[in-house]
Amino acid sequence: MNQVIPMKTILPFDEIQKQFDKPIRLEQMGMDQLETIVARHPHKILNTAVTVWRRYLESNPSANPDAVQEYIRTHGGSYLDAAGAVIGEPIIQDIAFSRCTIDDPALTDHMVAYLLIARVFPNDVHVADLHLMNPYKPIPPKLQRYRFRKYKGLGLLGTFVTRIEAYAAAEKCEYVTLTADADDLVPLFSKFGFVIEDNEVTSLAMRKKVGP
């Protein structure tokens, strides 16, 4: 029997704290604060809902591809709520937001880690946003390999992937999807078993199958 793993524990906070001399502040929100998370991250939540709806259409070819937009025109509301209403199940079944910052006035940027993750319909895991960085180690512009990556990482991506796979297995999820900020991240995430997904979502969607 698989052990239940709280979604909030997927971020390797203890390992993050070990890399810094100063205390790391951890802010977290869960399913009980879904409305706040949606309000703070509307674009990421929209991408998540669009991804789920596209996969639903792939699995249900007879479904009306315009059903969500038609529902919004008739009833109003968000894409997230409309897609859930059309499908008949909530899009987001569980969610966790984690943000780690370091309190050092000498730093320009205080962000150390940032994670927005959700278990979505039908029962998959979606990583909507992930950043792991060391603000003490800026990367010179000429040496930046990835867009939007101004600092060296923490070397914890493998630990994160292991934890999310354990969570997915415990919840009997078949896939883990990660929405990357830019296509130059493909080689990085491919090292951990992710494969690019052919869709029209504005961000790059990558998918990793869990289990055999």
N, C-alpha and C. Protein backbone atom coordinates (compact mmCIF):
# COMPACT_ATOMS: atom_id res chain seq x y z
N MET A 1 0.84 -1.20 0.00
CA MET A 1 0.00 0.00 0.00
C MET A 1 0.88 1.25 0.00
N ASN A 2 0.63 2.15 -0.93
CA ASN A 2 1.42 3.37 -1.04
C ASN A 2 1.07 4.34 0.08
N GLN A 3 2.10 4.95 0.63
CA GLN A 3 1.89 5.93 1.69
C GLN A 3 1.36 7.23 1.12
N VAL A 4 0.41 7.85 1.82
CA VAL A 4 -0.13 9.13 1.38
C VAL A 4 0.94 10.20 1.58
N ILE A 5 1.22 10.95 0.54
CA ILE A 5 2.24 12.00 0.58
C ILE A 5 1.56 13.35 0.42
N PRO A 6 1.60 14.22 1.42
CA PRO A 6 1.00 15.55 1.27
C PRO A 6 1.65 16.31 0.13
N MET A 7 0.84 16.95 -0.70
CA MET A 7 1.38 17.67 -1.85
C MET A 7 2.34 18.78 -1.42
N LYS A 8 2.09 19.38 -0.26
CA LYS A 8 2.95 20.47 0.19
C LYS A 8 4.37 20.03 0.48
N THR A 9 4.59 18.73 0.66
CA THR A 9 5.94 18.24 1.00
C THR A 9 6.77 17.90 -0.23
N ILE A 10 6.21 18.08 -1.41
CA ILE A 10 6.96 17.76 -2.63
C ILE A 10 8.17 18.69 -2.78
N LEU A 11 8.02 19.95 -2.41
CA LEU A 11 9.16 20.86 -2.47
C LEU A 11 10.18 20.43 -1.40
N PRO A 12 11.44 20.17 -1.76
CA PRO A 12 12.43 19.69 -0.79
C PRO A 12 12.96 20.82 0.10
N PHE A 13 12.13 21.30 1.01
CA PHE A 13 12.47 22.47 1.81
C PHE A 13 13.71 22.24 2.67
N ASP A 14 13.81 21.09 3.33
CA ASP A 14 14.96 20.84 4.20
C ASP A 14 16.26 20.89 3.42
N GLU A 15 16.25 20.33 2.21
CA GLU A 15 17.46 20.35 1.39
C GLU A 15 17.78 21.76 0.92
N ILE A 16 16.75 22.56 0.69
CA ILE A 16 16.97 23.95 0.29
C ILE A 16 17.60 24.73 1.45
N GLN A 17 17.06 24.57 2.65
CA GLN A 17 17.59 25.29 3.80
C GLN A 17 19.05 24.96 4.07
N LYS A 18 19.44 23.70 3.83
CA LYS A 18 20.82 23.28 4.10
C LYS A 18 21.84 24.03 3.25
N GLN A 19 21.40 24.62 2.15
CA GLN A 19 22.34 25.27 1.25
C GLN A 19 22.63 26.72 1.61
N PHE A 20 21.94 27.23 2.65
CA PHE A 20 22.11 28.63 3.02
C PHE A 20 22.37 28.77 4.52
N ASP A 21 23.18 29.77 4.87
CA ASP A 21 23.47 30.04 6.28
C ASP A 21 22.33 30.79 6.95
N LYS A 22 21.61 31.57 6.18
CA LYS A 22 20.51 32.35 6.74
C LYS A 22 19.20 31.56 6.64
N PRO A 23 18.27 31.83 7.56
CA PRO A 23 16.99 31.11 7.53
C PRO A 23 16.21 31.38 6.26
N ILE A 24 15.52 30.36 5.79
CA ILE A 24 14.66 30.47 4.62
C ILE A 24 13.21 30.56 5.09
N ARG A 25 12.49 31.53 4.58
CA ARG A 25 11.08 31.68 4.91
C ARG A 25 10.24 30.89 3.91
N LEU A 26 9.33 30.10 4.43
CA LEU A 26 8.49 29.25 3.59
C LEU A 26 7.04 29.71 3.68
N GLU A 27 6.49 30.09 2.54
CA GLU A 27 5.07 30.43 2.44
C GLU A 27 4.38 29.32 1.66
N GLN A 28 3.27 28.81 2.19
CA GLN A 28 2.55 27.74 1.51
C GLN A 28 1.05 27.95 1.57
N MET A 29 0.38 27.54 0.50
CA MET A 29 -1.08 27.53 0.44
C MET A 29 -1.52 26.22 -0.18
N GLY A 30 -2.72 25.78 0.20
CA GLY A 30 -3.24 24.52 -0.31
C GLY A 30 -4.63 24.66 -0.88
N MET A 31 -5.34 23.55 -0.97
CA MET A 31 -6.65 23.51 -1.60
C MET A 31 -7.66 24.41 -0.89
N ASP A 32 -7.48 24.61 0.40
CA ASP A 32 -8.40 25.47 1.14
C ASP A 32 -8.23 26.94 0.78
N GLN A 33 -7.18 27.26 0.04
CA GLN A 33 -6.95 28.64 -0.42
C GLN A 33 -6.90 28.71 -1.94
N LEU A 34 -7.66 27.84 -2.58
CA LEU A 34 -7.66 27.75 -4.04
C LEU A 34 -7.99 29.10 -4.68
N GLU A 35 -9.00 29.79 -4.19
CA GLU A 35 -9.39 31.06 -4.80
C GLU A 35 -8.24 32.07 -4.77
N THR A 36 -7.49 32.10 -3.67
CA THR A 36 -6.36 33.01 -3.56
C THR A 36 -5.26 32.64 -4.55
N ILE A 37 -4.99 31.35 -4.66
CA ILE A 37 -3.97 30.89 -5.61
C ILE A 37 -4.37 31.25 -7.04
N VAL A 38 -5.62 31.02 -7.39
CA VAL A 38 -6.11 31.33 -8.74
C VAL A 38 -5.98 32.82 -9.01
N ALA A 39 -6.32 33.65 -8.03
CA ALA A 39 -6.25 35.10 -8.21
C ALA A 39 -4.81 35.59 -8.37
N ARG A 40 -3.88 34.93 -7.70
CA ARG A 40 -2.47 35.34 -7.76
C ARG A 40 -1.76 34.81 -8.99
N HIS A 41 -2.26 33.71 -9.56
CA HIS A 41 -1.57 33.08 -10.69
C HIS A 41 -2.56 32.76 -11.82
N PRO A 42 -3.29 33.76 -12.31
CA PRO A 42 -4.33 33.48 -13.31
C PRO A 42 -3.81 32.85 -14.60
N HIS A 43 -2.64 33.29 -15.07
CA HIS A 43 -2.12 32.77 -16.34
C HIS A 43 -1.71 31.30 -16.19
N LYS A 44 -1.06 30.97 -15.08
CA LYS A 44 -0.64 29.58 -14.86
C LYS A 44 -1.85 28.67 -14.69
N ILE A 45 -2.86 29.14 -13.99
CA ILE A 45 -4.07 28.34 -13.80
C ILE A 45 -4.81 28.17 -15.12
N LEU A 46 -4.83 29.22 -15.93
CA LEU A 46 -5.47 29.12 -17.25
C LEU A 46 -4.75 28.07 -18.10
N ASN A 47 -3.43 28.10 -18.12
CA ASN A 47 -2.68 27.11 -18.89
C ASN A 47 -2.99 25.69 -18.42
N THR A 48 -3.13 25.53 -17.11
CA THR A 48 -3.46 24.21 -16.56
C THR A 48 -4.82 23.76 -17.05
N ALA A 49 -5.81 24.64 -16.98
CA ALA A 49 -7.17 24.29 -17.42
C ALA A 49 -7.21 23.99 -18.91
N VAL A 50 -6.50 24.78 -19.70
CA VAL A 50 -6.47 24.56 -21.16
C VAL A 50 -5.84 23.21 -21.48
N THR A 51 -4.76 22.87 -20.78
CA THR A 51 -4.09 21.60 -21.00
C THR A 51 -5.02 20.43 -20.69
N VAL A 52 -5.74 20.52 -19.58
CA VAL A 52 -6.68 19.45 -19.20
C VAL A 52 -7.79 19.33 -20.24
N TRP A 53 -8.31 20.44 -20.69
CA TRP A 53 -9.41 20.40 -21.67
C TRP A 53 -8.94 19.78 -22.98
N ARG A 54 -7.73 20.12 -23.44
CA ARG A 54 -7.22 19.57 -24.69
C ARG A 54 -7.07 18.05 -24.58
N ARG A 55 -6.59 17.59 -23.43
CA ARG A 55 -6.44 16.15 -23.26
C ARG A 55 -7.79 15.46 -23.18
N TYR A 56 -8.77 16.14 -22.62
CA TYR A 56 -10.12 15.58 -22.58
C TYR A 56 -10.65 15.40 -24.00
N LEU A 57 -10.41 16.39 -24.85
CA LEU A 57 -10.85 16.28 -26.24
C LEU A 57 -10.14 15.14 -26.96
N GLU A 58 -8.86 14.95 -26.65
CA GLU A 58 -8.12 13.85 -27.28
C GLU A 58 -8.70 12.49 -26.89
N SER A 59 -9.17 12.39 -25.65
CA SER A 59 -9.75 11.13 -25.16
C SER A 59 -11.22 10.97 -25.51
N ASN A 60 -11.85 12.08 -25.88
CA ASN A 60 -13.28 12.07 -26.20
C ASN A 60 -13.49 12.79 -27.53
N PRO A 61 -13.13 12.15 -28.64
CA PRO A 61 -13.17 12.81 -29.95
C PRO A 61 -14.56 13.29 -30.37
N SER A 62 -15.60 12.73 -29.76
CA SER A 62 -16.95 13.16 -30.14
C SER A 62 -17.39 14.42 -29.39
N ALA A 63 -16.59 14.88 -28.41
CA ALA A 63 -16.94 16.07 -27.63
C ALA A 63 -16.82 17.32 -28.49
N ASN A 64 -17.63 18.31 -28.19
CA ASN A 64 -17.63 19.59 -28.91
C ASN A 64 -16.42 20.41 -28.49
N PRO A 65 -15.47 20.68 -29.37
CA PRO A 65 -14.26 21.42 -28.97
C PRO A 65 -14.54 22.86 -28.55
N ASP A 66 -15.70 23.39 -28.92
CA ASP A 66 -16.05 24.76 -28.55
C ASP A 66 -16.94 24.83 -27.31
N ALA A 67 -17.13 23.70 -26.64
CA ALA A 67 -18.08 23.65 -25.53
C ALA A 67 -17.71 24.58 -24.39
N VAL A 68 -16.43 24.69 -24.09
CA VAL A 68 -16.02 25.55 -22.97
C VAL A 68 -16.30 27.01 -23.29
N GLN A 69 -15.92 27.45 -24.49
CA GLN A 69 -16.18 28.84 -24.86
C GLN A 69 -17.68 29.12 -24.91
N GLU A 70 -18.45 28.17 -25.40
CA GLU A 70 -19.90 28.36 -25.44
C GLU A 70 -20.48 28.46 -24.02
N TYR A 71 -19.94 27.67 -23.11
CA TYR A 71 -20.41 27.74 -21.72
C TYR A 71 -20.10 29.12 -21.12
N ILE A 72 -18.91 29.64 -21.41
CA ILE A 72 -18.55 30.96 -20.88
C ILE A 72 -19.46 32.03 -21.45
N ARG A 73 -19.76 31.95 -22.74
CA ARG A 73 -20.65 32.95 -23.35
C ARG A 73 -22.05 32.89 -22.74
N THR A 74 -22.49 31.71 -22.39
CA THR A 74 -23.84 31.54 -21.85
C THR A 74 -23.91 31.82 -20.35
N HIS A 75 -22.93 31.35 -19.61
CA HIS A 75 -22.99 31.41 -18.16
C HIS A 75 -21.96 32.35 -17.53
N GLY A 76 -20.98 32.79 -18.30
CA GLY A 76 -19.93 33.61 -17.72
C GLY A 76 -18.95 32.76 -16.92
N GLY A 77 -18.11 33.42 -16.13
CA GLY A 77 -17.17 32.71 -15.29
C GLY A 77 -15.83 32.48 -15.96
N SER A 78 -14.96 31.79 -15.26
CA SER A 78 -13.59 31.56 -15.73
C SER A 78 -13.50 30.33 -16.61
N TYR A 79 -12.39 30.22 -17.33
CA TYR A 79 -12.14 29.04 -18.15
C TYR A 79 -12.04 27.81 -17.27
N LEU A 80 -11.42 27.96 -16.11
CA LEU A 80 -11.27 26.84 -15.17
C LEU A 80 -12.63 26.29 -14.76
N ASP A 81 -13.53 27.17 -14.37
CA ASP A 81 -14.86 26.73 -13.93
C ASP A 81 -15.67 26.17 -15.10
N ALA A 82 -15.55 26.82 -16.26
CA ALA A 82 -16.33 26.38 -17.42
C ALA A 82 -15.89 24.99 -17.87
N ALA A 83 -14.58 24.75 -17.94
CA ALA A 83 -14.09 23.44 -18.35
C ALA A 83 -14.55 22.37 -17.37
N GLY A 84 -14.51 22.68 -16.09
CA GLY A 84 -14.98 21.72 -15.09
C GLY A 84 -16.46 21.43 -15.24
N ALA A 85 -17.24 22.46 -15.54
CA ALA A 85 -18.68 22.27 -15.70
C ALA A 85 -18.99 21.41 -16.92
N VAL A 86 -18.27 21.64 -18.02
CA VAL A 86 -18.50 20.86 -19.24
C VAL A 86 -18.08 19.40 -19.04
N ILE A 87 -16.94 19.20 -18.41
CA ILE A 87 -16.45 17.84 -18.18
C ILE A 87 -17.30 17.12 -17.14
N GLY A 88 -17.78 17.89 -16.17
CA GLY A 88 -18.58 17.29 -15.11
C GLY A 88 -17.78 16.94 -13.87
N GLU A 89 -16.52 17.35 -13.83
CA GLU A 89 -15.64 17.12 -12.69
C GLU A 89 -14.77 18.35 -12.49
N PRO A 90 -14.40 18.67 -11.25
CA PRO A 90 -13.49 19.80 -11.03
C PRO A 90 -12.16 19.56 -11.75
N ILE A 91 -11.63 20.59 -12.39
CA ILE A 91 -10.34 20.47 -13.07
C ILE A 91 -9.24 20.25 -12.04
N ILE A 92 -9.24 21.06 -10.99
CA ILE A 92 -8.22 20.96 -9.95
C ILE A 92 -8.78 20.16 -8.78
N GLN A 93 -8.13 19.04 -8.49
CA GLN A 93 -8.56 18.17 -7.40
C GLN A 93 -7.75 18.40 -6.13
N ASP A 94 -6.53 18.88 -6.28
CA ASP A 94 -5.69 19.28 -5.16
C ASP A 94 -4.65 20.24 -5.69
N ILE A 95 -4.15 21.11 -4.84
CA ILE A 95 -3.20 22.13 -5.31
C ILE A 95 -2.30 22.55 -4.16
N ALA A 96 -1.08 22.94 -4.49
CA ALA A 96 -0.14 23.43 -3.49
C ALA A 96 0.73 24.52 -4.10
N PHE A 97 0.85 25.61 -3.39
CA PHE A 97 1.74 26.69 -3.77
C PHE A 97 2.79 26.85 -2.67
N SER A 98 4.06 26.88 -3.06
CA SER A 98 5.16 27.04 -2.10
C SER A 98 6.11 28.11 -2.61
N ARG A 99 6.54 28.95 -1.69
CA ARG A 99 7.46 30.04 -2.05
C ARG A 99 8.49 30.19 -0.93
N CYS A 100 9.78 30.09 -1.30
CA CYS A 100 10.86 30.22 -0.34
C CYS A 100 11.65 31.49 -0.63
N THR A 101 11.87 32.30 0.41
CA THR A 101 12.67 33.51 0.27
C THR A 101 13.70 33.56 1.40
N ILE A 102 14.77 34.30 1.14
CA ILE A 102 15.82 34.46 2.14
C ILE A 102 15.89 35.93 2.53
N ASP A 103 15.98 36.19 3.82
CA ASP A 103 15.96 37.56 4.34
C ASP A 103 17.39 38.06 4.47
N ASP A 104 17.86 38.70 3.41
CA ASP A 104 19.22 39.25 3.41
C ASP A 104 19.18 40.58 2.67
N PRO A 105 19.33 41.71 3.39
CA PRO A 105 19.25 43.02 2.73
C PRO A 105 20.34 43.25 1.68
N ALA A 106 21.37 42.41 1.69
CA ALA A 106 22.45 42.58 0.71
C ALA A 106 22.04 42.07 -0.66
N LEU A 107 20.94 41.31 -0.73
CA LEU A 107 20.51 40.71 -1.99
C LEU A 107 19.52 41.61 -2.72
N THR A 108 19.61 41.60 -4.03
CA THR A 108 18.61 42.28 -4.86
C THR A 108 17.38 41.41 -5.00
N ASP A 109 17.57 40.13 -5.26
CA ASP A 109 16.48 39.16 -5.36
C ASP A 109 16.54 38.23 -4.16
N HIS A 110 15.38 37.98 -3.56
CA HIS A 110 15.32 37.17 -2.36
C HIS A 110 14.67 35.80 -2.61
N MET A 111 14.22 35.57 -3.83
CA MET A 111 13.57 34.30 -4.15
C MET A 111 14.60 33.17 -4.21
N VAL A 112 14.25 32.05 -3.58
CA VAL A 112 15.09 30.86 -3.60
C VAL A 112 14.38 29.71 -4.30
N ALA A 113 13.10 29.55 -4.03
CA ALA A 113 12.33 28.47 -4.64
C ALA A 113 10.88 28.89 -4.80
N TYR A 114 10.26 28.33 -5.84
CA TYR A 114 8.89 28.71 -6.18
C TYR A 114 8.25 27.52 -6.87
N LEU A 115 7.12 27.06 -6.34
CA LEU A 115 6.47 25.89 -6.92
C LEU A 115 4.96 26.04 -6.88
N LEU A 116 4.34 25.82 -8.04
CA LEU A 116 2.88 25.75 -8.14
C LEU A 116 2.55 24.43 -8.80
N ILE A 117 1.87 23.56 -8.07
CA ILE A 117 1.62 22.20 -8.53
C ILE A 117 0.18 21.82 -8.22
N ALA A 118 -0.43 21.04 -9.11
CA ALA A 118 -1.82 20.64 -8.91
C ALA A 118 -2.04 19.21 -9.38
N ARG A 119 -2.93 18.52 -8.70
CA ARG A 119 -3.44 17.23 -9.20
C ARG A 119 -4.72 17.56 -9.93
N VAL A 120 -4.79 17.16 -11.20
CA VAL A 120 -5.87 17.61 -12.06
C VAL A 120 -6.64 16.43 -12.65
N PHE A 121 -7.81 16.72 -13.19
CA PHE A 121 -8.64 15.72 -13.87
C PHE A 121 -7.87 15.13 -15.06
N PRO A 122 -7.97 13.81 -15.29
CA PRO A 122 -8.73 12.83 -14.51
C PRO A 122 -8.01 12.39 -13.26
N ASN A 123 -6.69 12.31 -13.28
CA ASN A 123 -5.89 12.09 -12.09
C ASN A 123 -4.42 12.15 -12.47
N ASP A 124 -4.01 13.32 -12.92
CA ASP A 124 -2.64 13.56 -13.32
C ASP A 124 -2.05 14.65 -12.44
N VAL A 125 -0.74 14.79 -12.47
CA VAL A 125 -0.07 15.85 -11.73
C VAL A 125 0.44 16.89 -12.73
N HIS A 126 0.18 18.15 -12.45
CA HIS A 126 0.59 19.23 -13.34
C HIS A 126 1.46 20.21 -12.56
N VAL A 127 2.72 20.36 -12.99
CA VAL A 127 3.62 21.35 -12.41
C VAL A 127 3.47 22.63 -13.23
N ALA A 128 2.75 23.59 -12.68
CA ALA A 128 2.46 24.82 -13.42
C ALA A 128 3.62 25.80 -13.39
N ASP A 129 4.44 25.76 -12.34
CA ASP A 129 5.57 26.69 -12.24
C ASP A 129 6.59 26.11 -11.27
N LEU A 130 7.86 26.20 -11.61
CA LEU A 130 8.92 25.69 -10.76
C LEU A 130 10.18 26.51 -10.97
N HIS A 131 10.74 27.02 -9.86
CA HIS A 131 12.02 27.73 -9.90
C HIS A 131 12.82 27.31 -8.69
N LEU A 132 14.07 26.95 -8.90
CA LEU A 132 15.01 26.64 -7.83
C LEU A 132 16.28 27.41 -8.14
N MET A 133 16.66 28.37 -7.28
CA MET A 133 17.76 29.27 -7.64
C MET A 133 18.54 29.70 -6.41
N ASN A 134 19.78 30.08 -6.66
CA ASN A 134 20.66 30.59 -5.62
C ASN A 134 20.93 32.07 -5.91
N PRO A 135 20.28 32.99 -5.20
CA PRO A 135 20.45 34.42 -5.50
C PRO A 135 21.84 34.94 -5.19
N TYR A 136 22.68 34.13 -4.54
CA TYR A 136 24.07 34.53 -4.29
C TYR A 136 24.98 34.20 -5.47
N LYS A 137 24.44 33.49 -6.46
CA LYS A 137 25.27 33.05 -7.58
C LYS A 137 24.66 33.48 -8.92
N PRO A 138 24.77 34.76 -9.25
CA PRO A 138 24.25 35.22 -10.54
C PRO A 138 25.07 34.66 -11.69
N ILE A 139 24.40 34.45 -12.80
CA ILE A 139 25.07 33.95 -14.00
C ILE A 139 25.32 35.14 -14.94
N PRO A 140 26.54 35.38 -15.34
CA PRO A 140 26.80 36.47 -16.29
C PRO A 140 25.95 36.30 -17.54
N PRO A 141 25.39 37.38 -18.08
CA PRO A 141 24.50 37.28 -19.24
C PRO A 141 25.06 36.44 -20.38
N LYS A 142 26.37 36.55 -20.66
CA LYS A 142 26.95 35.81 -21.77
C LYS A 142 27.00 34.30 -21.51
N LEU A 143 26.87 33.91 -20.24
CA LEU A 143 26.96 32.50 -19.90
C LEU A 143 25.60 31.88 -19.57
N GLN A 144 24.54 32.67 -19.72
CA GLN A 144 23.21 32.15 -19.42
C GLN A 144 22.77 31.17 -20.50
N ARG A 145 22.52 29.92 -20.11
CA ARG A 145 22.13 28.87 -21.06
C ARG A 145 20.63 28.85 -21.31
N TYR A 146 19.85 29.34 -20.32
CA TYR A 146 18.40 29.28 -20.42
C TYR A 146 17.81 30.67 -20.23
N ARG A 147 16.79 30.97 -21.01
CA ARG A 147 16.08 32.22 -20.81
C ARG A 147 15.42 32.24 -19.44
N PHE A 148 15.33 33.41 -18.86
CA PHE A 148 14.68 33.63 -17.56
C PHE A 148 15.47 33.02 -16.40
N ARG A 149 16.67 32.51 -16.63
CA ARG A 149 17.48 31.91 -15.57
C ARG A 149 18.69 32.82 -15.31
N LYS A 150 18.56 33.69 -14.32
CA LYS A 150 19.64 34.63 -14.03
C LYS A 150 20.60 34.12 -12.96
N TYR A 151 20.20 33.06 -12.26
CA TYR A 151 21.02 32.55 -11.16
C TYR A 151 21.25 31.05 -11.33
N LYS A 152 22.33 30.57 -10.74
CA LYS A 152 22.58 29.14 -10.75
C LYS A 152 21.52 28.43 -9.92
N GLY A 153 21.28 27.19 -10.26
CA GLY A 153 20.28 26.42 -9.54
C GLY A 153 20.81 25.87 -8.23
N LEU A 154 20.01 25.03 -7.60
CA LEU A 154 20.37 24.46 -6.31
C LEU A 154 20.78 22.99 -6.41
N GLY A 155 20.76 22.45 -7.62
CA GLY A 155 21.11 21.04 -7.79
C GLY A 155 20.09 20.10 -7.21
N LEU A 156 18.84 20.55 -7.12
CA LEU A 156 17.80 19.76 -6.46
C LEU A 156 16.70 19.32 -7.42
N LEU A 157 16.90 19.50 -8.72
CA LEU A 157 15.85 19.11 -9.66
C LEU A 157 15.61 17.60 -9.61
N GLY A 158 16.68 16.83 -9.50
CA GLY A 158 16.52 15.38 -9.40
C GLY A 158 15.76 14.98 -8.16
N THR A 159 16.04 15.64 -7.03
CA THR A 159 15.31 15.38 -5.79
C THR A 159 13.84 15.71 -5.95
N PHE A 160 13.56 16.83 -6.59
CA PHE A 160 12.17 17.23 -6.83
C PHE A 160 11.45 16.20 -7.69
N VAL A 161 12.08 15.75 -8.77
CA VAL A 161 11.46 14.77 -9.65
C VAL A 161 11.17 13.47 -8.90
N THR A 162 12.11 13.04 -8.07
CA THR A 162 11.90 11.82 -7.28
C THR A 162 10.69 11.97 -6.36
N ARG A 163 10.57 13.13 -5.74
CA ARG A 163 9.44 13.35 -4.83
C ARG A 163 8.12 13.42 -5.57
N ILE A 164 8.11 14.05 -6.72
CA ILE A 164 6.85 14.17 -7.44
C ILE A 164 6.43 12.83 -8.03
N GLU A 165 7.40 12.00 -8.40
CA GLU A 165 7.08 10.66 -8.87
C GLU A 165 6.50 9.81 -7.74
N ALA A 166 7.05 9.98 -6.54
CA ALA A 166 6.53 9.24 -5.38
C ALA A 166 5.10 9.67 -5.08
N TYR A 167 4.85 10.97 -5.17
CA TYR A 167 3.49 11.47 -4.94
C TYR A 167 2.54 10.91 -6.00
N ALA A 168 2.95 10.97 -7.27
CA ALA A 168 2.11 10.49 -8.36
C ALA A 168 1.80 9.01 -8.21
N ALA A 169 2.80 8.22 -7.80
CA ALA A 169 2.58 6.79 -7.61
C ALA A 169 1.60 6.54 -6.46
N ALA A 170 1.76 7.30 -5.36
CA ALA A 170 0.87 7.12 -4.21
C ALA A 170 -0.57 7.47 -4.56
N GLU A 171 -0.75 8.46 -5.44
CA GLU A 171 -2.09 8.90 -5.83
C GLU A 171 -2.59 8.15 -7.06
N LYS A 172 -1.79 7.17 -7.54
CA LYS A 172 -2.15 6.38 -8.72
C LYS A 172 -2.36 7.26 -9.95
N CYS A 173 -1.54 8.29 -10.07
CA CYS A 173 -1.56 9.15 -11.26
C CYS A 173 -0.69 8.51 -12.34
N GLU A 174 -1.10 8.64 -13.57
CA GLU A 174 -0.36 8.03 -14.67
C GLU A 174 0.69 8.96 -15.25
N TYR A 175 0.43 10.26 -15.22
CA TYR A 175 1.34 11.21 -15.86
C TYR A 175 1.67 12.38 -14.95
N VAL A 176 2.88 12.89 -15.14
CA VAL A 176 3.29 14.15 -14.55
C VAL A 176 3.58 15.10 -15.70
N THR A 177 2.94 16.25 -15.70
CA THR A 177 3.15 17.25 -16.75
C THR A 177 3.83 18.47 -16.15
N LEU A 178 4.81 18.99 -16.84
CA LEU A 178 5.53 20.17 -16.40
C LEU A 178 5.46 21.23 -17.48
N THR A 179 4.98 22.40 -17.14
CA THR A 179 4.92 23.49 -18.10
C THR A 179 6.16 24.34 -17.95
N ALA A 180 7.02 24.30 -18.96
CA ALA A 180 8.29 25.04 -18.93
C ALA A 180 8.09 26.44 -19.49
N ASP A 181 8.96 27.35 -19.06
CA ASP A 181 8.86 28.74 -19.50
C ASP A 181 9.34 28.94 -20.93
N ALA A 182 10.28 28.12 -21.37
CA ALA A 182 10.89 28.33 -22.69
C ALA A 182 11.36 27.00 -23.25
N ASP A 183 11.43 26.93 -24.59
CA ASP A 183 11.80 25.68 -25.24
C ASP A 183 13.26 25.30 -25.04
N ASP A 184 14.11 26.25 -24.59
CA ASP A 184 15.50 25.88 -24.37
C ASP A 184 15.68 25.03 -23.12
N LEU A 185 14.58 24.82 -22.36
CA LEU A 185 14.64 23.97 -21.18
C LEU A 185 14.40 22.50 -21.51
N VAL A 186 14.05 22.23 -22.77
CA VAL A 186 13.76 20.85 -23.17
C VAL A 186 14.90 19.89 -22.83
N PRO A 187 16.16 20.20 -23.20
CA PRO A 187 17.25 19.26 -22.88
C PRO A 187 17.40 19.02 -21.38
N LEU A 188 17.18 20.06 -20.58
CA LEU A 188 17.33 19.92 -19.13
C LEU A 188 16.31 18.94 -18.57
N PHE A 189 15.03 19.14 -18.88
CA PHE A 189 13.99 18.28 -18.33
C PHE A 189 13.98 16.90 -18.99
N SER A 190 14.48 16.82 -20.23
CA SER A 190 14.54 15.52 -20.89
C SER A 190 15.46 14.55 -20.15
N LYS A 191 16.44 15.08 -19.43
CA LYS A 191 17.35 14.23 -18.67
C LYS A 191 16.60 13.45 -17.59
N PHE A 192 15.43 13.96 -17.20
CA PHE A 192 14.67 13.33 -16.12
C PHE A 192 13.44 12.59 -16.65
N GLY A 193 13.44 12.29 -17.95
CA GLY A 193 12.38 11.46 -18.51
C GLY A 193 11.20 12.19 -19.10
N PHE A 194 11.20 13.52 -19.09
CA PHE A 194 10.10 14.26 -19.68
C PHE A 194 10.23 14.29 -21.20
N VAL A 195 9.11 14.23 -21.88
CA VAL A 195 9.07 14.34 -23.34
C VAL A 195 8.14 15.47 -23.71
N ILE A 196 8.46 16.16 -24.80
CA ILE A 196 7.67 17.31 -25.20
C ILE A 196 6.29 16.86 -25.67
N GLU A 197 5.30 17.69 -25.38
CA GLU A 197 3.93 17.38 -25.75
C GLU A 197 3.50 18.31 -26.87
N ASP A 198 2.88 17.77 -27.88
CA ASP A 198 2.47 18.54 -29.05
C ASP A 198 1.11 19.17 -28.78
N ASN A 199 1.14 20.42 -28.37
CA ASN A 199 -0.12 21.15 -28.17
C ASN A 199 0.09 22.63 -28.43
N GLU A 200 -0.95 23.42 -28.25
CA GLU A 200 -0.89 24.83 -28.58
C GLU A 200 -0.90 25.72 -27.34
N VAL A 201 -0.67 25.13 -26.17
CA VAL A 201 -0.60 25.93 -24.96
C VAL A 201 0.59 26.88 -25.09
N THR A 202 0.44 28.12 -24.59
CA THR A 202 1.47 29.13 -24.80
C THR A 202 2.81 28.72 -24.21
N SER A 203 2.80 28.03 -23.09
CA SER A 203 4.05 27.54 -22.52
C SER A 203 4.38 26.19 -23.11
N LEU A 204 5.59 25.77 -22.92
CA LEU A 204 6.01 24.45 -23.38
C LEU A 204 5.50 23.40 -22.39
N ALA A 205 4.73 22.44 -22.87
CA ALA A 205 4.22 21.38 -22.01
C ALA A 205 5.04 20.12 -22.23
N MET A 206 5.49 19.53 -21.13
CA MET A 206 6.27 18.30 -21.20
C MET A 206 5.60 17.27 -20.33
N ARG A 207 5.71 16.00 -20.70
CA ARG A 207 4.99 14.95 -19.99
C ARG A 207 5.90 13.78 -19.66
N LYS A 208 5.74 13.23 -18.47
CA LYS A 208 6.52 12.08 -18.02
C LYS A 208 5.55 11.02 -17.54
N LYS A 209 5.67 9.83 -18.08
CA LYS A 209 4.79 8.72 -17.65
C LYS A 209 5.32 8.15 -16.34
N VAL A 210 4.43 7.92 -15.41
CA VAL A 210 4.81 7.35 -14.11
C VAL A 210 4.48 5.87 -14.10
N GLY A 211 5.41 5.07 -13.60
CA GLY A 211 5.15 3.64 -13.51
C GLY A 211 5.55 2.91 -14.78
N PRO A 212 5.25 1.63 -14.86
CA PRO A 212 5.68 0.81 -16.01
C PRO A 212 4.95 1.19 -17.28
